[in-house]
Amino acid sequence: MRIAFVGKGGSGKTTVAAMFSRYLADRGHPVLAVDADINQNLGEALGATGPAPRALGADLSWLKDHLRGNNPLVPSAAAMIKTTPPGPGSRTAGLRPEDPVLARCAATTPDGVRYLVTGEFDEADIGVSCYHSKTGAVELWLNHLVDGAGEYVVVDMTAGADAFASGLFTRFDLTVLVSEPTRRGVGVFHQYAAHAAGRDVALAVLGNKVDEDADVAYLREHAGDALLGWLGRSPWVRAAERGEPRPVAELEPANLAVLADVLAALDARPRDWERYHRDTVEFHLRNARAWGDRATGLDLAAQVAPGFVPGAPVPA
């Protein structure tokens, strides 16, 4: 199952994504956390030690060449763009430890959470590239990911509604918008919901930094049935933010119960491989027409294999 955490900057989405990833690992679930935010703080929030792993966004040529495999519709890595869909002969990605992408790019935290990073801007990017050149690597990887039952991918997304600059927002079983009980917090929810309308995006709201009943009432008023739960102020979180992560079992019971509710909502989502691939193809064709054909000098619509659907039904 795949879950994305979004929200306005400062809402606490990175903290919550890390908390949920550690919660999954504590319960013995295979989990991969992905830092797709322009501010690369997820590893630190996870309690990672040592150097950052090899950045997925800085390894894009290798990633493309690996994923295209011997797909006859994709003659070279240069012919691939961030939305190129898998087809016959493509290599799929997985969460098994020996998966080549994870073996090359993933690191593991002391809690046993494996994580990937898109990478920060480097000197060659300054003044030239937007951050979507980095998140495009995540989109391409997710397009080729075949995750299995009981496996979890947790993605910390860029702030606000920036995910709508690509088809990345359709790559998840559940999207959780972390919102403070403020006008700006719920404003991002309304913006996100409006952009996602008609896209079969499962969107839930998780309140954060909740102090009193009035905060809960405010979130209920603005999020309605989308409100999944709320997290109160937490000494456990404060310690983690100081670089002093505590065991998951020491998280406040009320906040632990909220994480259990998030997991239950995620597990309740049906996996629809045909919808996933249909959205992949749609956004690939959009990008091909908008800029991809011109950039590559190719007709990228020819990369779509009619009738091909990667993956297989995954038991609920």
C-alpha atoms as a PDB file:
ATOM      1  CA  MET A   1       0.000   0.000   0.000  1.00  0.00           C
ATOM      2  CA  ARG A   2       1.140   3.529  -0.771  1.00  0.00           C
ATOM      3  CA  ILE A   3       0.425   6.606   1.327  1.00  0.00           C
ATOM      4  CA  ALA A   4       1.420  10.231   0.771  1.00  0.00           C
ATOM      5  CA  PHE A   5       1.574  12.943   3.404  1.00  0.00           C
ATOM      6  CA  VAL A   6       0.913  16.477   2.152  1.00  0.00           C
ATOM      7  CA  GLY A   7       0.101  19.832   3.731  1.00  0.00           C
ATOM      8  CA  LYS A   8       1.254  23.405   3.915  1.00  0.00           C
ATOM      9  CA  GLY A   9       4.814  24.149   4.874  1.00  0.00           C
ATOM     10  CA  GLY A  10       5.251  23.876   8.630  1.00  0.00           C
ATOM     11  CA  SER A  11       2.149  21.729   9.142  1.00  0.00           C
ATOM     12  CA  GLY A  12       4.234  18.844  10.445  1.00  0.00           C
ATOM     13  CA  LYS A  13       3.778  16.509   7.495  1.00  0.00           C
ATOM     14  CA  THR A  14       7.423  15.375   7.528  1.00  0.00           C
ATOM     15  CA  THR A  15       7.220  14.656  11.251  1.00  0.00           C
ATOM     16  CA  VAL A  16       3.980  12.715  10.780  1.00  0.00           C
ATOM     17  CA  ALA A  17       5.342  10.787   7.776  1.00  0.00           C
ATOM     18  CA  ALA A  18       8.361   9.763   9.858  1.00  0.00           C
ATOM     19  CA  MET A  19       6.191   8.878  12.834  1.00  0.00           C
ATOM     20  CA  PHE A  20       3.928   6.687  10.705  1.00  0.00           C
ATOM     21  CA  SER A  21       6.903   4.995   9.016  1.00  0.00           C
ATOM     22  CA  ARG A  22       8.444   4.160  12.402  1.00  0.00           C
ATOM     23  CA  TYR A  23       5.038   2.943  13.619  1.00  0.00           C
ATOM     24  CA  LEU A  24       4.802   0.513  10.691  1.00  0.00           C
ATOM     25  CA  ALA A  25       8.330  -0.776  11.240  1.00  0.00           C
ATOM     26  CA  ASP A  26       7.668  -1.195  14.959  1.00  0.00           C
ATOM     27  CA  ARG A  27       4.806  -3.532  14.061  1.00  0.00           C
ATOM     28  CA  GLY A  28       7.023  -5.605  11.803  1.00  0.00           C
ATOM     29  CA  HIS A  29       5.713  -4.350   8.464  1.00  0.00           C
ATOM     30  CA  PRO A  30       8.072  -3.908   5.501  1.00  0.00           C
ATOM     31  CA  VAL A  31       8.146  -0.147   4.976  1.00  0.00           C
ATOM     32  CA  LEU A  32       9.987   2.185   2.637  1.00  0.00           C
ATOM     33  CA  ALA A  33       9.906   5.927   3.338  1.00  0.00           C
ATOM     34  CA  VAL A  34      10.558   8.352   0.471  1.00  0.00           C
ATOM     35  CA  ASP A  35      11.625  11.964   0.913  1.00  0.00           C
ATOM     36  CA  ALA A  36      10.096  13.781  -2.059  1.00  0.00           C
ATOM     37  CA  ASP A  37      10.048  17.191  -0.371  1.00  0.00           C
ATOM     38  CA  ILE A  38      12.253  20.034  -1.560  1.00  0.00           C
ATOM     39  CA  ASN A  39      13.426  20.307   2.066  1.00  0.00           C
ATOM     40  CA  GLN A  40      15.187  16.988   2.613  1.00  0.00           C
ATOM     41  CA  ASN A  41      14.456  16.418   6.307  1.00  0.00           C
ATOM     42  CA  LEU A  42      12.753  13.027   6.389  1.00  0.00           C
ATOM     43  CA  GLY A  43      15.917  11.049   7.133  1.00  0.00           C
ATOM     44  CA  GLU A  44      16.646  13.258  10.118  1.00  0.00           C
ATOM     45  CA  ALA A  45      13.033  12.937  11.310  1.00  0.00           C
ATOM     46  CA  LEU A  46      13.351   9.154  11.037  1.00  0.00           C
ATOM     47  CA  GLY A  47      16.386   9.232  13.323  1.00  0.00           C
ATOM     48  CA  ALA A  48      18.788   8.207  10.569  1.00  0.00           C
ATOM     49  CA  THR A  49      22.470   8.279  11.364  1.00  0.00           C
ATOM     50  CA  GLY A  50      25.435   8.413   9.021  1.00  0.00           C
ATOM     51  CA  PRO A  51      25.638   9.923   5.544  1.00  0.00           C
ATOM     52  CA  ALA A  52      22.563  10.419   3.373  1.00  0.00           C
ATOM     53  CA  PRO A  53      21.931   7.699   0.801  1.00  0.00           C
ATOM     54  CA  ARG A  54      22.599   8.126  -2.902  1.00  0.00           C
ATOM     55  CA  ALA A  55      19.940  10.512  -4.207  1.00  0.00           C
ATOM     56  CA  LEU A  56      17.413   9.015  -6.601  1.00  0.00           C
ATOM     57  CA  GLY A  57      17.079  12.325  -8.456  1.00  0.00           C
ATOM     58  CA  ALA A  58      20.833  12.505  -9.041  1.00  0.00           C
ATOM     59  CA  ASP A  59      20.888   8.989 -10.489  1.00  0.00           C
ATOM     60  CA  LEU A  60      18.189   9.489 -13.083  1.00  0.00           C
ATOM     61  CA  SER A  61      20.108   8.178 -16.095  1.00  0.00           C
ATOM     62  CA  TRP A  62      20.881   4.929 -14.302  1.00  0.00           C
ATOM     63  CA  LEU A  63      17.292   4.650 -13.051  1.00  0.00           C
ATOM     64  CA  LYS A  64      15.876   5.105 -16.543  1.00  0.00           C
ATOM     65  CA  ASP A  65      18.237   2.591 -18.092  1.00  0.00           C
ATOM     66  CA  HIS A  66      17.483   0.071 -15.365  1.00  0.00           C
ATOM     67  CA  LEU A  67      13.693   0.413 -15.520  1.00  0.00           C
ATOM     68  CA  ARG A  68      13.384   0.349 -19.304  1.00  0.00           C
ATOM     69  CA  GLY A  69      15.025  -3.096 -19.384  1.00  0.00           C
ATOM     70  CA  ASN A  70      14.534  -4.500 -22.867  1.00  0.00           C
ATOM     71  CA  ASN A  71      11.193  -2.800 -23.520  1.00  0.00           C
ATOM     72  CA  PRO A  72      11.203  -2.453 -27.339  1.00  0.00           C
ATOM     73  CA  LEU A  73       9.047   0.682 -27.121  1.00  0.00           C
ATOM     74  CA  VAL A  74      11.769   2.558 -25.201  1.00  0.00           C
ATOM     75  CA  PRO A  75      14.990   2.359 -27.247  1.00  0.00           C
ATOM     76  CA  SER A  76      17.214   4.261 -24.801  1.00  0.00           C
ATOM     77  CA  ALA A  77      17.322   6.019 -21.456  1.00  0.00           C
ATOM     78  CA  ALA A  78      17.332   9.317 -23.353  1.00  0.00           C
ATOM     79  CA  ALA A  79      13.926   8.397 -24.775  1.00  0.00           C
ATOM     80  CA  MET A  80      12.381   8.149 -21.311  1.00  0.00           C
ATOM     81  CA  ILE A  81      10.702  10.994 -19.475  1.00  0.00           C
ATOM     82  CA  LYS A  82       9.354  11.034 -15.924  1.00  0.00           C
ATOM     83  CA  THR A  83       5.973   9.666 -17.035  1.00  0.00           C
ATOM     84  CA  THR A  84       7.127   6.879 -19.364  1.00  0.00           C
ATOM     85  CA  PRO A  85       4.955   3.888 -18.460  1.00  0.00           C
ATOM     86  CA  PRO A  86       6.218   0.335 -18.084  1.00  0.00           C
ATOM     87  CA  GLY A  87       5.579  -2.102 -20.883  1.00  0.00           C
ATOM     88  CA  PRO A  88       6.602  -5.579 -22.012  1.00  0.00           C
ATOM     89  CA  GLY A  89      10.241  -6.070 -21.134  1.00  0.00           C
ATOM     90  CA  SER A  90      10.392  -3.236 -18.594  1.00  0.00           C
ATOM     91  CA  ARG A  91      11.937  -3.953 -15.233  1.00  0.00           C
ATOM     92  CA  THR A  92       9.574  -3.410 -12.330  1.00  0.00           C
ATOM     93  CA  ALA A  93      10.672  -2.107  -8.942  1.00  0.00           C
ATOM     94  CA  GLY A  94       9.867  -3.779  -5.647  1.00  0.00           C
ATOM     95  CA  LEU A  95      10.471  -3.577  -1.916  1.00  0.00           C
ATOM     96  CA  ARG A  96      12.479  -6.761  -1.508  1.00  0.00           C
ATOM     97  CA  PRO A  97      15.906  -6.035   0.035  1.00  0.00           C
ATOM     98  CA  GLU A  98      17.773  -7.205  -3.052  1.00  0.00           C
ATOM     99  CA  ASP A  99      15.840  -4.922  -5.416  1.00  0.00           C
ATOM    100  CA  PRO A 100      18.536  -3.143  -7.488  1.00  0.00           C
ATOM    101  CA  VAL A 101      17.097   0.341  -6.914  1.00  0.00           C
ATOM    102  CA  LEU A 102      16.975  -0.120  -3.150  1.00  0.00           C
ATOM    103  CA  ALA A 103      20.347  -1.847  -3.058  1.00  0.00           C
ATOM    104  CA  ARG A 104      21.837   1.153  -4.854  1.00  0.00           C
ATOM    105  CA  CYS A 105      19.933   4.062  -3.298  1.00  0.00           C
ATOM    106  CA  ALA A 106      18.243   3.117  -0.007  1.00  0.00           C
ATOM    107  CA  ALA A 107      19.558   3.492   3.519  1.00  0.00           C
ATOM    108  CA  THR A 108      18.197   1.962   6.717  1.00  0.00           C
ATOM    109  CA  THR A 109      17.535   3.725  10.010  1.00  0.00           C
ATOM    110  CA  PRO A 110      18.228   2.231  13.461  1.00  0.00           C
ATOM    111  CA  ASP A 111      14.499   1.417  13.659  1.00  0.00           C
ATOM    112  CA  GLY A 112      14.689  -0.650  10.485  1.00  0.00           C
ATOM    113  CA  VAL A 113      12.960   1.860   8.202  1.00  0.00           C
ATOM    114  CA  ARG A 114      14.484   1.873   4.733  1.00  0.00           C
ATOM    115  CA  TYR A 115      14.318   5.213   3.009  1.00  0.00           C
ATOM    116  CA  LEU A 116      15.027   6.905  -0.318  1.00  0.00           C
ATOM    117  CA  VAL A 117      15.738  10.573  -0.969  1.00  0.00           C
ATOM    118  CA  THR A 118      15.151  12.532  -4.146  1.00  0.00           C
ATOM    119  CA  GLY A 119      18.143  14.709  -3.352  1.00  0.00           C
ATOM    120  CA  GLU A 120      18.715  18.419  -2.962  1.00  0.00           C
ATOM    121  CA  PHE A 121      19.640  20.967  -5.591  1.00  0.00           C
ATOM    122  CA  ASP A 122      23.256  20.702  -6.654  1.00  0.00           C
ATOM    123  CA  GLU A 123      25.419  23.421  -8.148  1.00  0.00           C
ATOM    124  CA  ALA A 124      24.375  22.601 -11.717  1.00  0.00           C
ATOM    125  CA  ASP A 125      20.690  23.044 -10.791  1.00  0.00           C
ATOM    126  CA  ILE A 126      20.956  26.518  -9.269  1.00  0.00           C
ATOM    127  CA  GLY A 127      19.090  29.022 -11.403  1.00  0.00           C
ATOM    128  CA  VAL A 128      18.404  26.410 -14.067  1.00  0.00           C
ATOM    129  CA  SER A 129      16.191  23.555 -12.885  1.00  0.00           C
ATOM    130  CA  CYS A 130      12.983  23.343 -10.888  1.00  0.00           C
ATOM    131  CA  TYR A 131      12.558  20.741  -8.197  1.00  0.00           C
ATOM    132  CA  HIS A 132      10.307  18.657 -10.436  1.00  0.00           C
ATOM    133  CA  SER A 133      13.466  17.374 -12.095  1.00  0.00           C
ATOM    134  CA  LYS A 134      14.079  15.582  -8.787  1.00  0.00           C
ATOM    135  CA  THR A 135      10.541  14.447  -7.987  1.00  0.00           C
ATOM    136  CA  GLY A 136      10.287  13.115 -11.537  1.00  0.00           C
ATOM    137  CA  ALA A 137      12.577  10.295 -10.444  1.00  0.00           C
ATOM    138  CA  VAL A 138      10.078   9.317  -7.743  1.00  0.00           C
ATOM    139  CA  GLU A 139       7.212   9.467 -10.230  1.00  0.00           C
ATOM    140  CA  LEU A 140       9.060   7.227 -12.681  1.00  0.00           C
ATOM    141  CA  TRP A 141       9.964   4.770  -9.913  1.00  0.00           C
ATOM    142  CA  LEU A 142       6.378   4.642  -8.617  1.00  0.00           C
ATOM    143  CA  ASN A 143       5.091   4.068 -12.164  1.00  0.00           C
ATOM    144  CA  HIS A 144       7.226   0.913 -12.267  1.00  0.00           C
ATOM    145  CA  LEU A 145       6.674  -0.194  -8.659  1.00  0.00           C
ATOM    146  CA  VAL A 146       4.866  -3.474  -8.059  1.00  0.00           C
ATOM    147  CA  ASP A 147       4.378  -3.577  -4.314  1.00  0.00           C
ATOM    148  CA  GLY A 148       2.949  -6.615  -2.625  1.00  0.00           C
ATOM    149  CA  ALA A 149       0.461  -7.362   0.117  1.00  0.00           C
ATOM    150  CA  GLY A 150       1.618  -6.165   3.532  1.00  0.00           C
ATOM    151  CA  GLU A 151       4.264  -3.811   2.070  1.00  0.00           C
ATOM    152  CA  TYR A 152       4.076  -0.066   2.658  1.00  0.00           C
ATOM    153  CA  VAL A 153       5.507   2.973   0.867  1.00  0.00           C
ATOM    154  CA  VAL A 154       5.294   6.265   2.769  1.00  0.00           C
ATOM    155  CA  VAL A 155       6.036   9.423   0.773  1.00  0.00           C
ATOM    156  CA  ASP A 156       6.695  12.838   2.260  1.00  0.00           C
ATOM    157  CA  MET A 157       5.547  15.162  -0.526  1.00  0.00           C
ATOM    158  CA  THR A 158       6.356  18.768  -1.359  1.00  0.00           C
ATOM    159  CA  ALA A 159       4.323  21.405   0.461  1.00  0.00           C
ATOM    160  CA  GLY A 160       0.957  22.749  -0.631  1.00  0.00           C
ATOM    161  CA  ALA A 161      -0.587  21.667  -3.916  1.00  0.00           C
ATOM    162  CA  ASP A 162       2.731  21.373  -5.749  1.00  0.00           C
ATOM    163  CA  ALA A 163       2.082  17.666  -6.388  1.00  0.00           C
ATOM    164  CA  PHE A 164      -0.393  18.685  -9.079  1.00  0.00           C
ATOM    165  CA  ALA A 165       2.472  19.819 -11.303  1.00  0.00           C
ATOM    166  CA  SER A 166       2.713  16.141 -12.272  1.00  0.00           C
ATOM    167  CA  GLY A 167       0.676  12.962 -12.141  1.00  0.00           C
ATOM    168  CA  LEU A 168       2.410  12.026  -8.891  1.00  0.00           C
ATOM    169  CA  PHE A 169      -0.721  12.770  -6.865  1.00  0.00           C
ATOM    170  CA  THR A 170      -2.500   9.768  -8.433  1.00  0.00           C
ATOM    171  CA  ARG A 171       0.168   7.261  -7.381  1.00  0.00           C
ATOM    172  CA  PHE A 172      -1.167   6.554  -3.880  1.00  0.00           C
ATOM    173  CA  ASP A 173      -3.829   4.430  -2.232  1.00  0.00           C
ATOM    174  CA  LEU A 174      -4.407   7.153   0.359  1.00  0.00           C
ATOM    175  CA  THR A 175      -3.312  10.783   0.594  1.00  0.00           C
ATOM    176  CA  VAL A 176      -3.268  12.297   4.073  1.00  0.00           C
ATOM    177  CA  LEU A 177      -3.265  16.069   4.313  1.00  0.00           C
ATOM    178  CA  VAL A 178      -1.746  17.179   7.614  1.00  0.00           C
ATOM    179  CA  SER A 179      -3.454  20.368   8.756  1.00  0.00           C
ATOM    180  CA  GLU A 180      -3.066  22.664  11.694  1.00  0.00           C
ATOM    181  CA  PRO A 181      -6.377  24.089  12.972  1.00  0.00           C
ATOM    182  CA  THR A 182      -5.830  27.362  11.108  1.00  0.00           C
ATOM    183  CA  ARG A 183      -7.281  29.111   8.061  1.00  0.00           C
ATOM    184  CA  ARG A 184      -4.123  28.509   6.071  1.00  0.00           C
ATOM    185  CA  GLY A 185      -4.028  24.852   7.076  1.00  0.00           C
ATOM    186  CA  VAL A 186      -7.577  24.049   6.013  1.00  0.00           C
ATOM    187  CA  GLY A 187      -7.162  26.338   3.004  1.00  0.00           C
ATOM    188  CA  VAL A 188      -4.567  23.956   1.583  1.00  0.00           C
ATOM    189  CA  PHE A 189      -7.036  21.095   2.131  1.00  0.00           C
ATOM    190  CA  HIS A 190      -9.752  22.882   0.143  1.00  0.00           C
ATOM    191  CA  GLN A 191      -7.256  23.661  -2.624  1.00  0.00           C
ATOM    192  CA  TYR A 192      -6.011  20.083  -2.728  1.00  0.00           C
ATOM    193  CA  ALA A 193      -9.543  18.664  -2.723  1.00  0.00           C
ATOM    194  CA  ALA A 194     -10.578  20.963  -5.579  1.00  0.00           C
ATOM    195  CA  HIS A 195      -7.632  19.939  -7.750  1.00  0.00           C
ATOM    196  CA  ALA A 196      -8.148  16.236  -6.976  1.00  0.00           C
ATOM    197  CA  ALA A 197     -11.902  16.299  -7.663  1.00  0.00           C
ATOM    198  CA  GLY A 198     -12.963  13.697 -10.198  1.00  0.00           C
ATOM    199  CA  ARG A 199      -9.640  11.855  -9.991  1.00  0.00           C
ATOM    200  CA  ASP A 200     -10.679   9.113  -7.543  1.00  0.00           C
ATOM    201  CA  VAL A 201      -8.040  10.370  -5.087  1.00  0.00           C
ATOM    202  CA  ALA A 202      -8.691   9.105  -1.571  1.00  0.00           C
ATOM    203  CA  LEU A 203      -8.006  12.218   0.519  1.00  0.00           C
ATOM    204  CA  ALA A 204      -8.127  12.349   4.304  1.00  0.00           C
ATOM    205  CA  VAL A 205      -7.272  15.118   6.759  1.00  0.00           C
ATOM    206  CA  LEU A 206      -5.164  14.536   9.841  1.00  0.00           C
ATOM    207  CA  GLY A 207      -5.208  17.400  12.326  1.00  0.00           C
ATOM    208  CA  ASN A 208      -1.915  18.303  13.952  1.00  0.00           C
ATOM    209  CA  LYS A 209      -0.810  20.534  16.837  1.00  0.00           C
ATOM    210  CA  VAL A 210      -4.273  20.306  18.351  1.00  0.00           C
ATOM    211  CA  ASP A 211      -4.521  21.865  21.812  1.00  0.00           C
ATOM    212  CA  GLU A 212      -8.195  22.079  22.694  1.00  0.00           C
ATOM    213  CA  ASP A 213     -11.748  21.110  21.744  1.00  0.00           C
ATOM    214  CA  ALA A 214     -12.132  24.309  19.743  1.00  0.00           C
ATOM    215  CA  ASP A 215      -9.300  23.147  17.471  1.00  0.00           C
ATOM    216  CA  VAL A 216     -11.095  19.869  16.809  1.00  0.00           C
ATOM    217  CA  ALA A 217     -14.377  21.664  16.163  1.00  0.00           C
ATOM    218  CA  TYR A 218     -12.661  23.958  13.666  1.00  0.00           C
ATOM    219  CA  LEU A 219     -11.144  21.035  11.772  1.00  0.00           C
ATOM    220  CA  ARG A 220     -14.497  19.214  11.728  1.00  0.00           C
ATOM    221  CA  GLU A 221     -16.244  22.317  10.428  1.00  0.00           C
ATOM    222  CA  HIS A 222     -13.857  22.686   7.497  1.00  0.00           C
ATOM    223  CA  ALA A 223     -12.838  19.088   6.713  1.00  0.00           C
ATOM    224  CA  GLY A 224     -16.127  17.332   7.433  1.00  0.00           C
ATOM    225  CA  ASP A 225     -16.095  13.590   6.824  1.00  0.00           C
ATOM    226  CA  ALA A 226     -12.540  13.812   5.480  1.00  0.00           C
ATOM    227  CA  LEU A 227     -11.223  14.333   9.020  1.00  0.00           C
ATOM    228  CA  LEU A 228      -9.558  11.065   9.961  1.00  0.00           C
ATOM    229  CA  GLY A 229      -8.248  12.117  13.370  1.00  0.00           C
ATOM    230  CA  TRP A 230      -5.929  14.553  15.079  1.00  0.00           C
ATOM    231  CA  LEU A 231      -2.627  14.583  16.904  1.00  0.00           C
ATOM    232  CA  GLY A 232      -2.144  16.544  20.082  1.00  0.00           C
ATOM    233  CA  ARG A 233       0.977  18.340  21.220  1.00  0.00           C
ATOM    234  CA  SER A 234       3.551  15.683  21.955  1.00  0.00           C
ATOM    235  CA  PRO A 235       6.675  15.571  24.150  1.00  0.00           C
ATOM    236  CA  TRP A 236       7.635  12.474  22.110  1.00  0.00           C
ATOM    237  CA  VAL A 237       7.582  14.523  18.910  1.00  0.00           C
ATOM    238  CA  ARG A 238       9.409  17.416  20.570  1.00  0.00           C
ATOM    239  CA  ALA A 239      12.178  15.048  21.655  1.00  0.00           C
ATOM    240  CA  ALA A 240      12.457  13.668  18.122  1.00  0.00           C
ATOM    241  CA  GLU A 241      12.731  17.216  16.760  1.00  0.00           C
ATOM    242  CA  ARG A 242      15.636  17.786  19.168  1.00  0.00           C
ATOM    243  CA  GLY A 243      17.393  14.773  17.683  1.00  0.00           C
ATOM    244  CA  GLU A 244      16.469  12.534  20.597  1.00  0.00           C
ATOM    245  CA  PRO A 245      14.128   9.930  19.079  1.00  0.00           C
ATOM    246  CA  ARG A 246      12.347   7.714  21.577  1.00  0.00           C
ATOM    247  CA  PRO A 247      10.933   4.214  21.011  1.00  0.00           C
ATOM    248  CA  VAL A 248       7.571   4.155  19.259  1.00  0.00           C
ATOM    249  CA  ALA A 249       6.056   2.390  22.260  1.00  0.00           C
ATOM    250  CA  GLU A 250       6.613   5.566  24.282  1.00  0.00           C
ATOM    251  CA  LEU A 251       4.418   7.682  22.012  1.00  0.00           C
ATOM    252  CA  GLU A 252       1.369   9.015  23.844  1.00  0.00           C
ATOM    253  CA  PRO A 253      -1.516   6.474  23.755  1.00  0.00           C
ATOM    254  CA  ALA A 254      -3.927   8.915  22.119  1.00  0.00           C
ATOM    255  CA  ASN A 255      -1.460   9.642  19.329  1.00  0.00           C
ATOM    256  CA  LEU A 256      -0.673   5.946  18.901  1.00  0.00           C
ATOM    257  CA  ALA A 257      -4.404   5.325  18.456  1.00  0.00           C
ATOM    258  CA  VAL A 258      -4.497   7.933  15.676  1.00  0.00           C
ATOM    259  CA  LEU A 259      -1.683   6.178  13.820  1.00  0.00           C
ATOM    260  CA  ALA A 260      -3.650   2.930  14.119  1.00  0.00           C
ATOM    261  CA  ASP A 261      -6.638   4.697  12.546  1.00  0.00           C
ATOM    262  CA  VAL A 262      -4.468   5.926   9.665  1.00  0.00           C
ATOM    263  CA  LEU A 263      -3.216   2.380   9.061  1.00  0.00           C
ATOM    264  CA  ALA A 264      -6.757   0.995   9.150  1.00  0.00           C
ATOM    265  CA  ALA A 265      -7.908   3.593   6.612  1.00  0.00           C
ATOM    266  CA  LEU A 266      -4.974   2.752   4.356  1.00  0.00           C
ATOM    267  CA  ASP A 267      -5.510  -0.991   4.574  1.00  0.00           C
ATOM    268  CA  ALA A 268      -9.188  -0.527   3.741  1.00  0.00           C
ATOM    269  CA  ARG A 269      -8.359   0.942   0.342  1.00  0.00           C
ATOM    270  CA  PRO A 270      -8.700  -1.478  -2.597  1.00  0.00           C
ATOM    271  CA  ARG A 271      -5.753  -1.741  -4.962  1.00  0.00           C
ATOM    272  CA  ASP A 272      -6.796  -1.123  -8.564  1.00  0.00           C
ATOM    273  CA  TRP A 273      -3.846  -1.800 -10.860  1.00  0.00           C
ATOM    274  CA  GLU A 274      -5.829  -0.880 -13.968  1.00  0.00           C
ATOM    275  CA  ARG A 275      -6.656   2.566 -12.548  1.00  0.00           C
ATOM    276  CA  TYR A 276      -3.036   3.120 -11.565  1.00  0.00           C
ATOM    277  CA  HIS A 277      -1.836   2.327 -15.052  1.00  0.00           C
ATOM    278  CA  ARG A 278      -4.656   4.240 -16.728  1.00  0.00           C
ATOM    279  CA  ASP A 279      -3.627   7.373 -14.819  1.00  0.00           C
ATOM    280  CA  THR A 280       0.026   6.723 -15.673  1.00  0.00           C
ATOM    281  CA  VAL A 281      -0.798   6.560 -19.374  1.00  0.00           C
ATOM    282  CA  GLU A 282      -3.039   9.632 -19.266  1.00  0.00           C
ATOM    283  CA  PHE A 283      -0.386  11.831 -17.685  1.00  0.00           C
ATOM    284  CA  HIS A 284       2.287  10.418 -19.950  1.00  0.00           C
ATOM    285  CA  LEU A 285       0.294  11.430 -23.014  1.00  0.00           C
ATOM    286  CA  ARG A 286      -0.305  14.878 -21.521  1.00  0.00           C
ATOM    287  CA  ASN A 287       3.395  15.399 -20.882  1.00  0.00           C
ATOM    288  CA  ALA A 288       4.297  14.026 -24.294  1.00  0.00           C
ATOM    289  CA  ARG A 289       2.069  16.568 -26.024  1.00  0.00           C
ATOM    290  CA  ALA A 290       3.061  19.464 -23.740  1.00  0.00           C
ATOM    291  CA  TRP A 291       6.849  19.126 -23.894  1.00  0.00           C
ATOM    292  CA  GLY A 292       8.115  15.545 -24.092  1.00  0.00           C
ATOM    293  CA  ASP A 293       7.834  15.020 -27.860  1.00  0.00           C
ATOM    294  CA  ARG A 294       9.595  18.307 -28.482  1.00  0.00           C
ATOM    295  CA  ALA A 295      12.340  17.620 -25.938  1.00  0.00           C
ATOM    296  CA  THR A 296      13.141  14.120 -27.193  1.00  0.00           C
ATOM    297  CA  GLY A 297      12.287  14.499 -30.882  1.00  0.00           C
ATOM    298  CA  LEU A 298      10.146  11.367 -30.579  1.00  0.00           C
ATOM    299  CA  ASP A 299       6.477  10.446 -30.627  1.00  0.00           C
ATOM    300  CA  LEU A 300       6.253   9.375 -26.978  1.00  0.00           C
ATOM    301  CA  ALA A 301       2.685   8.145 -27.365  1.00  0.00           C
ATOM    302  CA  ALA A 302       4.303   5.142 -29.051  1.00  0.00           C
ATOM    303  CA  GLN A 303       5.719   4.139 -25.646  1.00  0.00           C
ATOM    304  CA  VAL A 304       2.252   3.055 -24.492  1.00  0.00           C
ATOM    305  CA  ALA A 305       1.691  -0.678 -24.907  1.00  0.00           C
ATOM    306  CA  PRO A 306      -2.020  -1.295 -25.589  1.00  0.00           C
ATOM    307  CA  GLY A 307      -3.589  -3.674 -23.101  1.00  0.00           C
ATOM    308  CA  PHE A 308      -0.529  -3.844 -20.866  1.00  0.00           C
ATOM    309  CA  VAL A 309      -1.157  -3.505 -17.115  1.00  0.00           C
ATOM    310  CA  PRO A 310       1.740  -4.052 -14.692  1.00  0.00           C
ATOM    311  CA  GLY A 311       1.267  -5.691 -11.344  1.00  0.00           C
ATOM    312  CA  ALA A 312      -1.328  -8.156 -10.204  1.00  0.00           C
ATOM    313  CA  PRO A 313      -4.300  -8.043  -7.854  1.00  0.00           C
ATOM    314  CA  VAL A 314      -3.004  -7.523  -4.330  1.00  0.00           C
ATOM    315  CA  PRO A 315      -5.109  -9.078  -1.534  1.00  0.00           C
ATOM    316  CA  ALA A 316      -6.682  -6.561   0.831  1.00  0.00           C
END
